[in-house]
PDB file of N, CA and C in Angstrom:
ATOM      1  N   MET A   1      47.648 -14.340   9.127  1.00  0.00           N
ATOM      2  CA  MET A   1      46.574 -13.390   8.978  1.00  0.00           C
ATOM      3  C   MET A   1      45.299 -14.020   9.523  1.00  0.00           C
ATOM      4  N   LYS A   2      44.669 -13.308  10.434  1.00  0.00           N
ATOM      5  CA  LYS A   2      43.455 -13.805  11.062  1.00  0.00           C
ATOM      6  C   LYS A   2      42.243 -13.245  10.334  1.00  0.00           C
ATOM      7  N   VAL A   3      41.316 -14.125   9.958  1.00  0.00           N
ATOM      8  CA  VAL A   3      40.091 -13.720   9.276  1.00  0.00           C
ATOM      9  C   VAL A   3      38.978 -13.649  10.311  1.00  0.00           C
ATOM     10  N   THR A   4      38.337 -12.508  10.362  1.00  0.00           N
ATOM     11  CA  THR A   4      37.223 -12.382  11.302  1.00  0.00           C
ATOM     12  C   THR A   4      35.918 -12.389  10.522  1.00  0.00           C
ATOM     13  N   ARG A   5      34.958 -13.007  11.088  1.00  0.00           N
ATOM     14  CA  ARG A   5      33.640 -13.088  10.473  1.00  0.00           C
ATOM     15  C   ARG A   5      32.645 -12.397  11.379  1.00  0.00           C
ATOM     16  N   LYS A   6      31.733 -11.693  10.738  1.00  0.00           N
ATOM     17  CA  LYS A   6      30.661 -11.077  11.503  1.00  0.00           C
ATOM     18  C   LYS A   6      29.677 -12.153  11.913  1.00  0.00           C
ATOM     19  N   LYS A   7      29.324 -12.123  13.169  1.00  0.00           N
ATOM     20  CA  LYS A   7      28.323 -13.062  13.659  1.00  0.00           C
ATOM     21  C   LYS A   7      26.951 -12.559  13.237  1.00  0.00           C
ATOM     22  N   ALA A   8      26.154 -13.429  12.677  1.00  0.00           N
ATOM     23  CA  ALA A   8      24.800 -13.061  12.255  1.00  0.00           C
ATOM     24  C   ALA A   8      23.999 -12.630  13.473  1.00  0.00           C
ATOM     25  N   ARG A   9      23.329 -11.502  13.330  1.00  0.00           N
ATOM     26  CA  ARG A   9      22.501 -10.992  14.416  1.00  0.00           C
ATOM     27  C   ARG A   9      21.234 -11.826  14.505  1.00  0.00           C
ATOM     28  N   MET A  10      20.945 -12.292  15.689  1.00  0.00           N
ATOM     29  CA  MET A  10      19.740 -13.087  15.912  1.00  0.00           C
ATOM     30  C   MET A  10      18.568 -12.128  16.140  1.00  0.00           C
ATOM     31  N   THR A  11      17.418 -12.543  15.698  1.00  0.00           N
ATOM     32  CA  THR A  11      16.228 -11.718  15.880  1.00  0.00           C
ATOM     33  C   THR A  11      15.055 -12.588  16.299  1.00  0.00           C
ATOM     34  N   SER A  12      14.141 -11.964  17.000  1.00  0.00           N
ATOM     35  CA  SER A  12      12.897 -12.660  17.343  1.00  0.00           C
ATOM     36  C   SER A  12      11.718 -11.955  16.663  1.00  0.00           C
ATOM     37  N   ASP A  13      12.023 -10.974  15.810  1.00  0.00           N
ATOM     38  CA  ASP A  13      10.995 -10.237  15.075  1.00  0.00           C
ATOM     39  C   ASP A  13      10.455 -11.139  13.972  1.00  0.00           C
ATOM     40  N   ALA A  14       9.185 -11.521  14.109  1.00  0.00           N
ATOM     41  CA  ALA A  14       8.578 -12.472  13.169  1.00  0.00           C
ATOM     42  C   ALA A  14       8.619 -11.971  11.732  1.00  0.00           C
ATOM     43  N   LEU A  15       8.324 -10.676  11.529  1.00  0.00           N
ATOM     44  CA  LEU A  15       8.333 -10.144  10.164  1.00  0.00           C
ATOM     45  C   LEU A  15       9.730 -10.170   9.554  1.00  0.00           C
ATOM     46  N   GLU A  16      10.723  -9.874  10.359  1.00  0.00           N
ATOM     47  CA  GLU A  16      12.098  -9.914   9.865  1.00  0.00           C
ATOM     48  C   GLU A  16      12.500 -11.348   9.517  1.00  0.00           C
ATOM     49  N   ILE A  17      12.103 -12.286  10.328  1.00  0.00           N
ATOM     50  CA  ILE A  17      12.409 -13.700  10.071  1.00  0.00           C
ATOM     51  C   ILE A  17      11.739 -14.145   8.774  1.00  0.00           C
ATOM     52  N   ILE A  18      10.460 -13.820   8.609  1.00  0.00           N
ATOM     53  CA  ILE A  18       9.739 -14.183   7.385  1.00  0.00           C
ATOM     54  C   ILE A  18      10.402 -13.548   6.175  1.00  0.00           C
ATOM     55  N   ASN A  19      10.737 -12.257   6.303  1.00  0.00           N
ATOM     56  CA  ASN A  19      11.410 -11.566   5.205  1.00  0.00           C
ATOM     57  C   ASN A  19      12.715 -12.265   4.841  1.00  0.00           C
ATOM     58  N   ASN A  20      13.518 -12.587   5.830  1.00  0.00           N
ATOM     59  CA  ASN A  20      14.815 -13.231   5.576  1.00  0.00           C
ATOM     60  C   ASN A  20      14.664 -14.619   4.957  1.00  0.00           C
ATOM     61  N   LEU A  21      13.657 -15.363   5.383  1.00  0.00           N
ATOM     62  CA  LEU A  21      13.483 -16.728   4.893  1.00  0.00           C
ATOM     63  C   LEU A  21      12.807 -16.818   3.526  1.00  0.00           C
ATOM     64  N   PHE A  22      11.804 -15.973   3.297  1.00  0.00           N
ATOM     65  CA  PHE A  22      10.961 -16.172   2.127  1.00  0.00           C
ATOM     66  C   PHE A  22      10.989 -15.060   1.079  1.00  0.00           C
ATOM     67  N   ILE A  23      11.481 -13.883   1.430  1.00  0.00           N
ATOM     68  CA  ILE A  23      11.357 -12.752   0.509  1.00  0.00           C
ATOM     69  C   ILE A  23      12.706 -12.201   0.063  1.00  0.00           C
ATOM     70  N   LYS A  24      13.562 -11.909   0.992  1.00  0.00           N
ATOM     71  CA  LYS A  24      14.848 -11.269   0.720  1.00  0.00           C
ATOM     72  C   LYS A  24      15.665 -12.058  -0.310  1.00  0.00           C
ATOM     73  N   GLY A  25      16.088 -11.341  -1.345  1.00  0.00           N
ATOM     74  CA  GLY A  25      16.907 -11.963  -2.384  1.00  0.00           C
ATOM     75  C   GLY A  25      16.110 -12.689  -3.460  1.00  0.00           C
ATOM     76  N   LYS A  26      14.791 -12.622  -3.379  1.00  0.00           N
ATOM     77  CA  LYS A  26      13.923 -13.261  -4.376  1.00  0.00           C
ATOM     78  C   LYS A  26      13.135 -12.152  -5.069  1.00  0.00           C
ATOM     79  N   PRO A  27      13.611 -11.714  -6.240  1.00  0.00           N
ATOM     80  CA  PRO A  27      13.029 -10.552  -6.916  1.00  0.00           C
ATOM     81  C   PRO A  27      11.522 -10.610  -7.108  1.00  0.00           C
ATOM     82  N   GLU A  28      10.977 -11.747  -7.471  1.00  0.00           N
ATOM     83  CA  GLU A  28       9.530 -11.847  -7.689  1.00  0.00           C
ATOM     84  C   GLU A  28       8.768 -11.648  -6.385  1.00  0.00           C
ATOM     85  N   MET A  29       9.250 -12.243  -5.321  1.00  0.00           N
ATOM     86  CA  MET A  29       8.606 -12.069  -4.018  1.00  0.00           C
ATOM     87  C   MET A  29       8.741 -10.622  -3.541  1.00  0.00           C
ATOM     88  N   GLU A  30       9.901 -10.022  -3.744  1.00  0.00           N
ATOM     89  CA  GLU A  30      10.116  -8.624  -3.362  1.00  0.00           C
ATOM     90  C   GLU A  30       9.155  -7.712  -4.129  1.00  0.00           C
ATOM     91  N   ARG A  31       8.942  -8.001  -5.415  1.00  0.00           N
ATOM     92  CA  ARG A  31       8.019  -7.214  -6.237  1.00  0.00           C
ATOM     93  C   ARG A  31       6.595  -7.357  -5.717  1.00  0.00           C
ATOM     94  N   MET A  32       6.201  -8.577  -5.389  1.00  0.00           N
ATOM     95  CA  MET A  32       4.852  -8.827  -4.894  1.00  0.00           C
ATOM     96  C   MET A  32       4.605  -8.116  -3.563  1.00  0.00           C
ATOM     97  N   VAL A  33       5.584  -8.151  -2.680  1.00  0.00           N
ATOM     98  CA  VAL A  33       5.452  -7.481  -1.386  1.00  0.00           C
ATOM     99  C   VAL A  33       5.338  -5.973  -1.586  1.00  0.00           C
ATOM    100  N   ALA A  34       6.156  -5.416  -2.473  1.00  0.00           N
ATOM    101  CA  ALA A  34       6.098  -3.979  -2.748  1.00  0.00           C
ATOM    102  C   ALA A  34       4.726  -3.588  -3.308  1.00  0.00           C
ATOM    103  N   GLU A  35       4.182  -4.420  -4.180  1.00  0.00           N
ATOM    104  CA  GLU A  35       2.856  -4.155  -4.764  1.00  0.00           C
ATOM    105  C   GLU A  35       1.776  -4.182  -3.687  1.00  0.00           C
ATOM    106  N   GLU A  36       1.858  -5.145  -2.795  1.00  0.00           N
ATOM    107  CA  GLU A  36       0.874  -5.239  -1.708  1.00  0.00           C
ATOM    108  C   GLU A  36       0.988  -4.057  -0.760  1.00  0.00           C
ATOM    109  N   ARG A  37       2.206  -3.605  -0.509  1.00  0.00           N
ATOM    110  CA  ARG A  37       2.385  -2.421   0.341  1.00  0.00           C
ATOM    111  C   ARG A  37       1.737  -1.202  -0.305  1.00  0.00           C
ATOM    112  N   THR A  38       1.871  -1.083  -1.613  1.00  0.00           N
ATOM    113  CA  THR A  38       1.256   0.039  -2.333  1.00  0.00           C
ATOM    114  C   THR A  38      -0.254  -0.031  -2.230  1.00  0.00           C
ATOM    115  N   ASN A  39      -0.833  -1.215  -2.468  1.00  0.00           N
ATOM    116  CA  ASN A  39      -2.287  -1.382  -2.362  1.00  0.00           C
ATOM    117  C   ASN A  39      -2.786  -1.025  -0.966  1.00  0.00           C
ATOM    118  N   ALA A  40      -2.067  -1.472   0.052  1.00  0.00           N
ATOM    119  CA  ALA A  40      -2.455  -1.185   1.431  1.00  0.00           C
ATOM    120  C   ALA A  40      -2.360   0.306   1.727  1.00  0.00           C
ATOM    121  N   ALA A  41      -1.331   0.958   1.207  1.00  0.00           N
ATOM    122  CA  ALA A  41      -1.163   2.392   1.442  1.00  0.00           C
ATOM    123  C   ALA A  41      -2.291   3.193   0.794  1.00  0.00           C
ATOM    124  N   ILE A  42      -2.683   2.817  -0.412  1.00  0.00           N
ATOM    125  CA  ILE A  42      -3.789   3.503  -1.099  1.00  0.00           C
ATOM    126  C   ILE A  42      -5.084   3.321  -0.310  1.00  0.00           C
ATOM    127  N   ALA A  43      -5.359   2.104   0.102  1.00  0.00           N
ATOM    128  CA  ALA A  43      -6.577   1.822   0.865  1.00  0.00           C
ATOM    129  C   ALA A  43      -6.599   2.623   2.158  1.00  0.00           C
ATOM    130  N   ARG A  44      -5.474   2.656   2.846  1.00  0.00           N
ATOM    131  CA  ARG A  44      -5.372   3.376   4.115  1.00  0.00           C
ATOM    132  C   ARG A  44      -5.593   4.874   3.910  1.00  0.00           C
ATOM    133  N   GLN A  45      -5.027   5.429   2.834  1.00  0.00           N
ATOM    134  CA  GLN A  45      -5.194   6.855   2.567  1.00  0.00           C
ATOM    135  C   GLN A  45      -6.643   7.204   2.260  1.00  0.00           C
ATOM    136  N   ILE A  46      -7.308   6.390   1.464  1.00  0.00           N
ATOM    137  CA  ILE A  46      -8.720   6.650   1.150  1.00  0.00           C
ATOM    138  C   ILE A  46      -9.538   6.629   2.435  1.00  0.00           C
ATOM    139  N   TYR A  47      -9.323   5.613   3.255  1.00  0.00           N
ATOM    140  CA  TYR A  47     -10.066   5.497   4.519  1.00  0.00           C
ATOM    141  C   TYR A  47      -9.804   6.709   5.412  1.00  0.00           C
ATOM    142  N   GLN A  48      -8.535   7.069   5.581  1.00  0.00           N
ATOM    143  CA  GLN A  48      -8.188   8.185   6.471  1.00  0.00           C
ATOM    144  C   GLN A  48      -8.775   9.504   5.977  1.00  0.00           C
ATOM    145  N   LEU A  49      -8.707   9.748   4.680  1.00  0.00           N
ATOM    146  CA  LEU A  49      -9.269  10.986   4.139  1.00  0.00           C
ATOM    147  C   LEU A  49     -10.790  11.016   4.280  1.00  0.00           C
ATOM    148  N   ARG A  50     -11.425   9.880   4.039  1.00  0.00           N
ATOM    149  CA  ARG A  50     -12.885   9.812   4.150  1.00  0.00           C
ATOM    150  C   ARG A  50     -13.319  10.046   5.588  1.00  0.00           C
ATOM    151  N   THR A  51     -12.669   9.375   6.531  1.00  0.00           N
ATOM    152  CA  THR A  51     -13.073   9.534   7.927  1.00  0.00           C
ATOM    153  C   THR A  51     -12.727  10.934   8.449  1.00  0.00           C
ATOM    154  N   LYS A  52     -11.635  11.506   7.991  1.00  0.00           N
ATOM    155  CA  LYS A  52     -11.281  12.881   8.386  1.00  0.00           C
ATOM    156  C   LYS A  52     -12.345  13.865   7.891  1.00  0.00           C
ATOM    157  N   ALA A  53     -12.905  13.583   6.719  1.00  0.00           N
ATOM    158  CA  ALA A  53     -13.973  14.423   6.162  1.00  0.00           C
ATOM    159  C   ALA A  53     -15.323  14.112   6.810  1.00  0.00           C
ATOM    160  N   ARG A  54     -15.335  13.143   7.727  1.00  0.00           N
ATOM    161  CA  ARG A  54     -16.556  12.717   8.438  1.00  0.00           C
ATOM    162  C   ARG A  54     -17.645  12.252   7.479  1.00  0.00           C
ATOM    163  N   LEU A  55     -17.215  11.465   6.498  1.00  0.00           N
ATOM    164  CA  LEU A  55     -18.152  10.902   5.532  1.00  0.00           C
ATOM    165  C   LEU A  55     -18.257   9.399   5.731  1.00  0.00           C
ATOM    166  N   THR A  56     -19.440   8.868   5.536  1.00  0.00           N
ATOM    167  CA  THR A  56     -19.600   7.422   5.502  1.00  0.00           C
ATOM    168  C   THR A  56     -19.214   6.947   4.098  1.00  0.00           C
ATOM    169  N   GLN A  57     -19.079   5.647   3.941  1.00  0.00           N
ATOM    170  CA  GLN A  57     -18.802   5.114   2.608  1.00  0.00           C
ATOM    171  C   GLN A  57     -19.933   5.464   1.664  1.00  0.00           C
ATOM    172  N   SER A  58     -21.154   5.417   2.140  1.00  0.00           N
ATOM    173  CA  SER A  58     -22.317   5.752   1.301  1.00  0.00           C
ATOM    174  C   SER A  58     -22.298   7.211   0.879  1.00  0.00           C
ATOM    175  N   GLN A  59     -21.958   8.091   1.792  1.00  0.00           N
ATOM    176  CA  GLN A  59     -21.916   9.514   1.474  1.00  0.00           C
ATOM    177  C   GLN A  59     -20.832   9.819   0.441  1.00  0.00           C
ATOM    178  N   LEU A  60     -19.653   9.234   0.631  1.00  0.00           N
ATOM    179  CA  LEU A  60     -18.582   9.441  -0.343  1.00  0.00           C
ATOM    180  C   LEU A  60     -18.976   8.855  -1.691  1.00  0.00           C
ATOM    181  N   ALA A  61     -19.567   7.680  -1.671  1.00  0.00           N
ATOM    182  CA  ALA A  61     -19.990   7.029  -2.916  1.00  0.00           C
ATOM    183  C   ALA A  61     -20.955   7.919  -3.692  1.00  0.00           C
ATOM    184  N   LYS A  62     -21.888   8.526  -2.988  1.00  0.00           N
ATOM    185  CA  LYS A  62     -22.868   9.403  -3.640  1.00  0.00           C
ATOM    186  C   LYS A  62     -22.153  10.588  -4.295  1.00  0.00           C
ATOM    187  N   GLN A  63     -21.176  11.183  -3.604  1.00  0.00           N
ATOM    188  CA  GLN A  63     -20.430  12.315  -4.159  1.00  0.00           C
ATOM    189  C   GLN A  63     -19.616  11.921  -5.386  1.00  0.00           C
ATOM    190  N   VAL A  64     -19.118  10.678  -5.364  1.00  0.00           N
ATOM    191  CA  VAL A  64     -18.253  10.190  -6.445  1.00  0.00           C
ATOM    192  C   VAL A  64     -19.074   9.632  -7.600  1.00  0.00           C
ATOM    193  N   GLY A  65     -20.308   9.266  -7.340  1.00  0.00           N
ATOM    194  CA  GLY A  65     -21.151   8.679  -8.374  1.00  0.00           C
ATOM    195  C   GLY A  65     -20.952   7.184  -8.507  1.00  0.00           C
ATOM    196  N   THR A  66     -20.814   6.518  -7.360  1.00  0.00           N
ATOM    197  CA  THR A  66     -20.636   5.067  -7.356  1.00  0.00           C
ATOM    198  C   THR A  66     -21.426   4.506  -6.181  1.00  0.00           C
ATOM    199  N   THR A  67     -21.131   3.286  -5.796  1.00  0.00           N
ATOM    200  CA  THR A  67     -21.837   2.650  -4.682  1.00  0.00           C
ATOM    201  C   THR A  67     -20.921   2.505  -3.470  1.00  0.00           C
ATOM    202  N   ALA A  68     -21.537   2.324  -2.317  1.00  0.00           N
ATOM    203  CA  ALA A  68     -20.776   2.140  -1.076  1.00  0.00           C
ATOM    204  C   ALA A  68     -19.888   0.893  -1.170  1.00  0.00           C
ATOM    205  N   SER A  69     -20.347  -0.129  -1.884  1.00  0.00           N
ATOM    206  CA  SER A  69     -19.544  -1.351  -1.996  1.00  0.00           C
ATOM    207  C   SER A  69     -18.250  -1.100  -2.766  1.00  0.00           C
ATOM    208  N   VAL A  70     -18.286  -0.183  -3.725  1.00  0.00           N
ATOM    209  CA  VAL A  70     -17.062   0.162  -4.462  1.00  0.00           C
ATOM    210  C   VAL A  70     -16.088   0.869  -3.524  1.00  0.00           C
ATOM    211  N   ILE A  71     -16.589   1.798  -2.727  1.00  0.00           N
ATOM    212  CA  ILE A  71     -15.727   2.497  -1.757  1.00  0.00           C
ATOM    213  C   ILE A  71     -15.164   1.494  -0.765  1.00  0.00           C
ATOM    214  N   SER A  72     -15.987   0.564  -0.316  1.00  0.00           N
ATOM    215  CA  SER A  72     -15.530  -0.471   0.608  1.00  0.00           C
ATOM    216  C   SER A  72     -14.385  -1.289   0.004  1.00  0.00           C
ATOM    217  N   ARG A  73     -14.535  -1.677  -1.252  1.00  0.00           N
ATOM    218  CA  ARG A  73     -13.468  -2.439  -1.929  1.00  0.00           C
ATOM    219  C   ARG A  73     -12.190  -1.616  -2.026  1.00  0.00           C
ATOM    220  N   LEU A  74     -12.327  -0.329  -2.343  1.00  0.00           N
ATOM    221  CA  LEU A  74     -11.154   0.537  -2.475  1.00  0.00           C
ATOM    222  C   LEU A  74     -10.429   0.714  -1.150  1.00  0.00           C
ATOM    223  N   GLU A  75     -11.151   0.613  -0.047  1.00  0.00           N
ATOM    224  CA  GLU A  75     -10.555   0.737   1.279  1.00  0.00           C
ATOM    225  C   GLU A  75     -10.017  -0.596   1.795  1.00  0.00           C
ATOM    226  N   ASP A  76     -10.135  -1.646   1.011  1.00  0.00           N
ATOM    227  CA  ASP A  76      -9.632  -2.972   1.377  1.00  0.00           C
ATOM    228  C   ASP A  76      -8.188  -3.096   0.902  1.00  0.00           C
ATOM    229  N   ALA A  77      -7.287  -3.400   1.825  1.00  0.00           N
ATOM    230  CA  ALA A  77      -5.861  -3.490   1.494  1.00  0.00           C
ATOM    231  C   ALA A  77      -5.567  -4.561   0.444  1.00  0.00           C
ATOM    232  N   ASP A  78      -6.454  -5.543   0.292  1.00  0.00           N
ATOM    233  CA  ASP A  78      -6.230  -6.620  -0.677  1.00  0.00           C
ATOM    234  C   ASP A  78      -6.720  -6.274  -2.079  1.00  0.00           C
ATOM    235  N   TYR A  79      -7.393  -5.140  -2.222  1.00  0.00           N
ATOM    236  CA  TYR A  79      -7.944  -4.760  -3.533  1.00  0.00           C
ATOM    237  C   TYR A  79      -6.824  -4.348  -4.483  1.00  0.00           C
ATOM    238  N   GLU A  80      -6.882  -4.847  -5.719  1.00  0.00           N
ATOM    239  CA  GLU A  80      -5.827  -4.592  -6.694  1.00  0.00           C
ATOM    240  C   GLU A  80      -6.312  -3.818  -7.918  1.00  0.00           C
ATOM    241  N   GLY A  81      -7.567  -3.383  -7.942  1.00  0.00           N
ATOM    242  CA  GLY A  81      -8.115  -2.786  -9.151  1.00  0.00           C
ATOM    243  C   GLY A  81      -8.228  -1.274  -9.128  1.00  0.00           C
ATOM    244  N   HIS A  82      -7.312  -0.595  -8.454  1.00  0.00           N
ATOM    245  CA  HIS A  82      -7.385   0.867  -8.393  1.00  0.00           C
ATOM    246  C   HIS A  82      -7.209   1.467  -9.782  1.00  0.00           C
ATOM    247  N   SER A  83      -8.193   2.251 -10.189  1.00  0.00           N
ATOM    248  CA  SER A  83      -8.049   2.944 -11.473  1.00  0.00           C
ATOM    249  C   SER A  83      -7.744   4.408 -11.184  1.00  0.00           C
ATOM    250  N   MET A  84      -6.958   4.992 -12.042  1.00  0.00           N
ATOM    251  CA  MET A  84      -6.593   6.387 -11.861  1.00  0.00           C
ATOM    252  C   MET A  84      -7.834   7.269 -11.897  1.00  0.00           C
ATOM    253  N   SER A  85      -8.770   6.984 -12.780  1.00  0.00           N
ATOM    254  CA  SER A  85      -9.962   7.834 -12.875  1.00  0.00           C
ATOM    255  C   SER A  85     -10.780   7.773 -11.585  1.00  0.00           C
ATOM    256  N   MET A  86     -10.908   6.595 -10.976  1.00  0.00           N
ATOM    257  CA  MET A  86     -11.665   6.493  -9.729  1.00  0.00           C
ATOM    258  C   MET A  86     -10.925   7.198  -8.598  1.00  0.00           C
ATOM    259  N   LEU A  87      -9.622   7.040  -8.547  1.00  0.00           N
ATOM    260  CA  LEU A  87      -8.849   7.723  -7.509  1.00  0.00           C
ATOM    261  C   LEU A  87      -8.968   9.238  -7.659  1.00  0.00           C
ATOM    262  N   GLN A  88      -8.996   9.725  -8.892  1.00  0.00           N
ATOM    263  CA  GLN A  88      -9.145  11.165  -9.123  1.00  0.00           C
ATOM    264  C   GLN A  88     -10.536  11.643  -8.712  1.00  0.00           C
ATOM    265  N   ARG A  89     -11.554  10.854  -8.962  1.00  0.00           N
ATOM    266  CA  ARG A  89     -12.915  11.214  -8.551  1.00  0.00           C
ATOM    267  C   ARG A  89     -13.026  11.275  -7.028  1.00  0.00           C
ATOM    268  N   ILE A  90     -12.426  10.304  -6.363  1.00  0.00           N
ATOM    269  CA  ILE A  90     -12.433  10.291  -4.899  1.00  0.00           C
ATOM    270  C   ILE A  90     -11.656  11.493  -4.366  1.00  0.00           C
ATOM    271  N   ALA A  91     -10.504  11.738  -4.943  1.00  0.00           N
ATOM    272  CA  ALA A  91      -9.686  12.878  -4.513  1.00  0.00           C
ATOM    273  C   ALA A  91     -10.461  14.187  -4.655  1.00  0.00           C
ATOM    274  N   ALA A  92     -11.129  14.372  -5.773  1.00  0.00           N
ATOM    275  CA  ALA A  92     -11.898  15.594  -6.000  1.00  0.00           C
ATOM    276  C   ALA A  92     -13.012  15.734  -4.962  1.00  0.00           C
ATOM    277  N   ALA A  93     -13.703  14.655  -4.658  1.00  0.00           N
ATOM    278  CA  ALA A  93     -14.781  14.691  -3.668  1.00  0.00           C
ATOM    279  C   ALA A  93     -14.251  15.043  -2.281  1.00  0.00           C
ATOM    280  N   LEU A  94     -12.996  14.680  -2.011  1.00  0.00           N
ATOM    281  CA  LEU A  94     -12.383  14.937  -0.704  1.00  0.00           C
ATOM    282  C   LEU A  94     -11.489  16.179  -0.725  1.00  0.00           C
ATOM    283  N   LYS A  95     -11.615  16.970  -1.797  1.00  0.00           N
ATOM    284  CA  LYS A  95     -10.827  18.201  -1.968  1.00  0.00           C
ATOM    285  C   LYS A  95      -9.317  17.914  -1.893  1.00  0.00           C
ATOM    286  N   GLN A  96      -8.937  16.886  -2.612  1.00  0.00           N
ATOM    287  CA  GLN A  96      -7.539  16.462  -2.692  1.00  0.00           C
ATOM    288  C   GLN A  96      -7.174  16.330  -4.168  1.00  0.00           C
ATOM    289  N   ARG A  97      -5.932  15.983  -4.424  1.00  0.00           N
ATOM    290  CA  ARG A  97      -5.516  15.639  -5.779  1.00  0.00           C
ATOM    291  C   ARG A  97      -4.643  14.397  -5.696  1.00  0.00           C
ATOM    292  N   VAL A  98      -4.639  13.641  -6.748  1.00  0.00           N
ATOM    293  CA  VAL A  98      -3.820  12.434  -6.815  1.00  0.00           C
ATOM    294  C   VAL A  98      -2.463  12.835  -7.366  1.00  0.00           C
ATOM    295  N   GLU A  99      -1.426  12.329  -6.750  1.00  0.00           N
ATOM    296  CA  GLU A  99      -0.068  12.604  -7.206  1.00  0.00           C
ATOM    297  C   GLU A  99       0.636  11.265  -7.415  1.00  0.00           C
ATOM    298  N   VAL A 100       1.157  11.064  -8.598  1.00  0.00           N
ATOM    299  CA  VAL A 100       1.873   9.828  -8.914  1.00  0.00           C
ATOM    300  C   VAL A 100       3.336  10.186  -9.104  1.00  0.00           C
ATOM    301  N   ARG A 101       4.202   9.406  -8.489  1.00  0.00           N
ATOM    302  CA  ARG A 101       5.637   9.644  -8.633  1.00  0.00           C
ATOM    303  C   ARG A 101       6.303   8.371  -9.119  1.00  0.00           C
ATOM    304  N   PHE A 102       7.288   8.549  -9.954  1.00  0.00           N
ATOM    305  CA  PHE A 102       8.137   7.445 -10.367  1.00  0.00           C
ATOM    306  C   PHE A 102       9.459   7.625  -9.641  1.00  0.00           C
ATOM    307  N   VAL A 103       9.901   6.598  -8.949  1.00  0.00           N
ATOM    308  CA  VAL A 103      11.176   6.655  -8.247  1.00  0.00           C
ATOM    309  C   VAL A 103      12.044   5.504  -8.705  1.00  0.00           C
ATOM    310  N   LYS A 104      13.320   5.733  -8.707  1.00  0.00           N
ATOM    311  CA  LYS A 104      14.248   4.698  -9.144  1.00  0.00           C
ATOM    312  C   LYS A 104      14.085   3.458  -8.291  1.00  0.00           C
ATOM    313  N   ALA A 105      13.968   2.338  -8.944  1.00  0.00           N
ATOM    314  CA  ALA A 105      13.812   1.066  -8.231  1.00  0.00           C
ATOM    315  C   ALA A 105      15.125   0.698  -7.583  1.00  0.00           C
ATOM    316  N   SER A 106      15.010   0.200  -6.369  1.00  0.00           N
ATOM    317  CA  SER A 106      16.205  -0.281  -5.680  1.00  0.00           C
ATOM    318  C   SER A 106      16.249  -1.789  -5.819  1.00  0.00           C
ATOM    319  N   LYS A 107      17.366  -2.356  -5.458  1.00  0.00           N
ATOM    320  CA  LYS A 107      17.477  -3.810  -5.530  1.00  0.00           C
ATOM    321  C   LYS A 107      16.519  -4.475  -4.577  1.00  0.00           C
ATOM    322  N   GLN A 108      16.252  -3.805  -3.450  1.00  0.00           N
ATOM    323  CA  GLN A 108      15.360  -4.367  -2.459  1.00  0.00           C
ATOM    324  C   GLN A 108      14.310  -3.331  -2.112  1.00  0.00           C
ATOM    325  N   PRO A 109      13.047  -3.546  -2.524  1.00  0.00           N
ATOM    326  CA  PRO A 109      11.983  -2.587  -2.222  1.00  0.00           C
ATOM    327  C   PRO A 109      11.840  -2.362  -0.731  1.00  0.00           C
ATOM    328  N   ALA A 110      11.523  -1.127  -0.387  1.00  0.00           N
ATOM    329  CA  ALA A 110      11.351  -0.779   1.031  1.00  0.00           C
ATOM    330  C   ALA A 110      10.079  -1.364   1.587  1.00  0.00           C
TER     331      ALA A 110
END
């Protein structure tokens, strides 16, 4: 009986290499990466909605009742302090609503 083995696919994709070496199969690292992706997605959405509405950070801040520096922090992908109440205030100012979904966790976050 001949046993065949799949040859590992070689890649030159830096992100895939980093994922394979440092993240894949390490639950804590996978959780951290998923959290950072969420933070980046929230920041990107706030920025895109604000710019689509043709508002500056100062203008949005005034509508929300905060400062431009707070809006700037919220649009920073590294920011981790998103509060639901602030997101709802921003959404209301941009004629949007916040939607939160719970989805079944997979073994490997997307």
